[in-house]
Structures are given as structure tokens and as C-alpha cells.
Amino acid sequence: MPAVAFVVHPSRAQDAAAGEKVFTKCKVCHIADKDQNKVGPSLNGVIGRTAGTHPDFTYSAAMIAAGKSGVKWDEPTLTTYLHDPKAMVKGTKMTFPGLKSDQDIANVIAYLKQFSK
């Protein structure tokens, strides 16, 4: 099983509209407003989902193992992952290097929350 480290950052005000702008970096591979896989899995309903479990998407063995080890996509977990995906899930297929701004991450999470009810 892969080792997973979580870093909890202080709460930040979240702005879904600002998050939608930041999400343009993610749109190459992901869709959030509808349940459709692209190069990456759909992020519709991602908040609360177990890692590596969206139907009809072929995940890396590392992401499947992360899910089996108990990784669920909540705010602290997404914050850690979005900072540095490859550091959190070694072997992930996601090539995006991560977002460096805590505020951008908080805003993207606010944006994703709209589609995870």
C-alpha cells in the first residue's frame, strides 16, 4: 500500500466564481458540471468520493490502491492532492504539477462543491 501524507492548511475563504477561473487549467482533462470522463475522470460529485472509483475510468494502480487504503476526496485531502498530486499518490497518471496557491486551491474546491451535492 502506498504511503499517503496529508497536510492540513488553515481554512481560507472560498470563492466558487474565482475557482471556476482557476479550473480552466483542469478543463483540458476534467469536467465538473456533468458526469463525463475525459483524459481524467469526471469531477462531478467528487467531494466524498473514494479515490479511484469513478465508473468507466481506467485509473492507475496507485490511485486504486489509494482508494482501497481509505482515501476519500474531502477538502483536506483535495488540498493536499492539488498542491502536488504526484507526491500524494506516487504513480498517479495525472501529469498536472499542482496548484501552488492555497487560495486557488480553496477556490477550486468551492467550485467543485457546486457539483458534489
Protein backbone atom coordinates (compact mmCIF):
# COMPACT_ATOMS: atom_id res chain seq x y z
CA MET A 1 0.00 0.00 0.00
CA PRO A 2 1.32 3.48 -0.83
CA ALA A 3 2.11 5.87 1.98
CA VAL A 4 -0.17 8.90 1.93
CA ALA A 5 0.68 12.09 3.79
CA PHE A 6 -1.89 14.77 4.47
CA VAL A 7 -1.15 18.41 5.10
CA VAL A 8 -3.95 20.42 6.64
CA HIS A 9 -3.89 24.08 5.74
CA PRO A 10 -5.72 26.82 7.60
CA SER A 11 -9.23 27.48 6.40
CA ARG A 12 -9.49 30.09 3.70
CA ALA A 13 -12.47 31.96 2.35
CA GLN A 14 -13.70 30.14 -0.72
CA ASP A 15 -14.91 31.81 -3.91
CA ALA A 16 -16.56 29.46 -6.42
CA ALA A 17 -16.50 32.07 -9.22
CA ALA A 18 -12.75 32.54 -8.77
CA GLY A 19 -12.44 28.74 -8.59
CA GLU A 20 -14.16 28.39 -11.95
CA LYS A 21 -11.44 30.61 -13.46
CA VAL A 22 -8.68 28.52 -11.87
CA PHE A 23 -10.46 25.34 -13.04
CA THR A 24 -9.75 26.34 -16.65
CA LYS A 25 -6.31 24.75 -16.03
CA CYS A 26 -8.11 21.49 -15.23
CA LYS A 27 -10.62 21.53 -18.13
CA VAL A 28 -8.11 20.01 -20.54
CA CYS A 29 -8.57 16.71 -18.72
CA HIS A 30 -11.63 17.05 -16.43
CA ILE A 31 -15.28 18.07 -16.47
CA ALA A 32 -17.09 19.04 -13.27
CA ASP A 33 -20.51 20.30 -14.37
CA LYS A 34 -21.60 16.97 -15.85
CA ASP A 35 -20.73 13.35 -15.25
CA GLN A 36 -18.41 12.69 -18.17
CA ASN A 37 -14.90 11.27 -18.23
CA LYS A 38 -12.24 12.80 -20.45
CA VAL A 39 -8.49 12.15 -20.23
CA GLY A 40 -9.12 12.32 -16.46
CA PRO A 41 -12.18 11.14 -14.55
CA SER A 42 -15.29 13.27 -14.17
CA LEU A 43 -15.11 15.55 -11.15
CA ASN A 44 -18.88 15.76 -10.95
CA GLY A 45 -19.71 14.51 -7.46
CA VAL A 46 -16.03 14.20 -6.50
CA ILE A 47 -16.43 15.57 -2.95
CA GLY A 48 -16.98 12.49 -0.78
CA ARG A 49 -15.98 10.00 -3.48
CA THR A 50 -13.42 7.30 -2.73
CA ALA A 51 -10.28 7.78 -4.80
CA GLY A 52 -10.01 5.65 -7.92
CA THR A 53 -13.65 4.63 -8.08
CA HIS A 54 -15.45 6.67 -10.76
CA PRO A 55 -17.17 4.22 -13.12
CA ASP A 56 -15.83 3.68 -16.61
CA PHE A 57 -12.48 5.36 -15.96
CA THR A 58 -9.21 3.44 -16.06
CA TYR A 59 -7.20 4.59 -13.05
CA SER A 60 -3.57 3.93 -12.27
CA ALA A 61 -2.86 1.09 -9.87
CA ALA A 62 -1.59 3.74 -7.43
CA MET A 63 -4.90 5.64 -7.42
CA ILE A 64 -6.90 2.44 -6.99
CA ALA A 65 -4.63 1.46 -4.09
CA ALA A 66 -5.11 4.92 -2.55
CA GLY A 67 -8.86 4.42 -2.61
CA LYS A 68 -8.59 0.94 -1.16
CA SER A 69 -6.45 2.37 1.64
CA GLY A 70 -9.26 4.76 2.55
CA VAL A 71 -8.53 7.96 0.61
CA LYS A 72 -11.74 9.92 0.09
CA TRP A 73 -11.90 13.27 -1.65
CA ASP A 74 -12.77 15.76 1.07
CA GLU A 75 -11.40 19.29 1.49
CA PRO A 76 -8.20 18.42 3.37
CA THR A 77 -7.39 15.53 1.04
CA LEU A 78 -8.09 17.56 -2.11
CA THR A 79 -5.99 20.41 -0.71
CA THR A 80 -3.02 18.10 -0.27
CA TYR A 81 -3.53 16.41 -3.63
CA LEU A 82 -3.97 19.64 -5.59
CA HIS A 83 -0.74 21.04 -4.13
CA ASP A 84 1.30 18.12 -5.51
CA PRO A 85 -0.61 15.16 -6.99
CA LYS A 86 2.47 13.00 -7.59
CA ALA A 87 3.73 13.48 -4.04
CA MET A 88 0.44 12.36 -2.51
CA VAL A 89 -0.27 9.45 -4.88
CA LYS A 90 3.04 8.20 -6.21
CA GLY A 91 2.30 6.57 -9.54
CA THR A 92 -0.79 8.61 -10.42
CA LYS A 93 -1.39 9.11 -14.14
CA MET A 94 -2.20 12.78 -13.53
CA THR A 95 0.57 14.85 -15.10
CA PHE A 96 -0.55 18.23 -13.73
CA PRO A 97 2.15 19.52 -11.35
CA GLY A 98 -0.31 21.03 -8.90
CA LEU A 99 -1.50 24.44 -7.78
CA LYS A 100 0.88 26.40 -5.61
CA SER A 101 -1.58 28.96 -4.22
CA ASP A 102 -3.62 27.90 -1.18
CA GLN A 103 -6.26 30.43 -2.21
CA ASP A 104 -6.53 28.97 -5.74
CA ILE A 105 -6.97 25.51 -4.23
CA ALA A 106 -9.64 26.73 -1.80
CA ASN A 107 -11.47 28.39 -4.69
CA VAL A 108 -11.29 25.30 -6.92
CA ILE A 109 -12.70 23.23 -4.09
CA ALA A 110 -15.56 25.75 -3.72
CA TYR A 111 -16.20 25.40 -7.44
CA LEU A 112 -16.21 21.58 -7.23
CA LYS A 113 -18.59 21.67 -4.24
CA GLN A 114 -21.30 23.08 -6.53
CA PHE A 115 -21.27 19.82 -8.45
CA SER A 116 -20.93 17.46 -5.50
CA LYS A 117 -24.27 17.71 -3.78
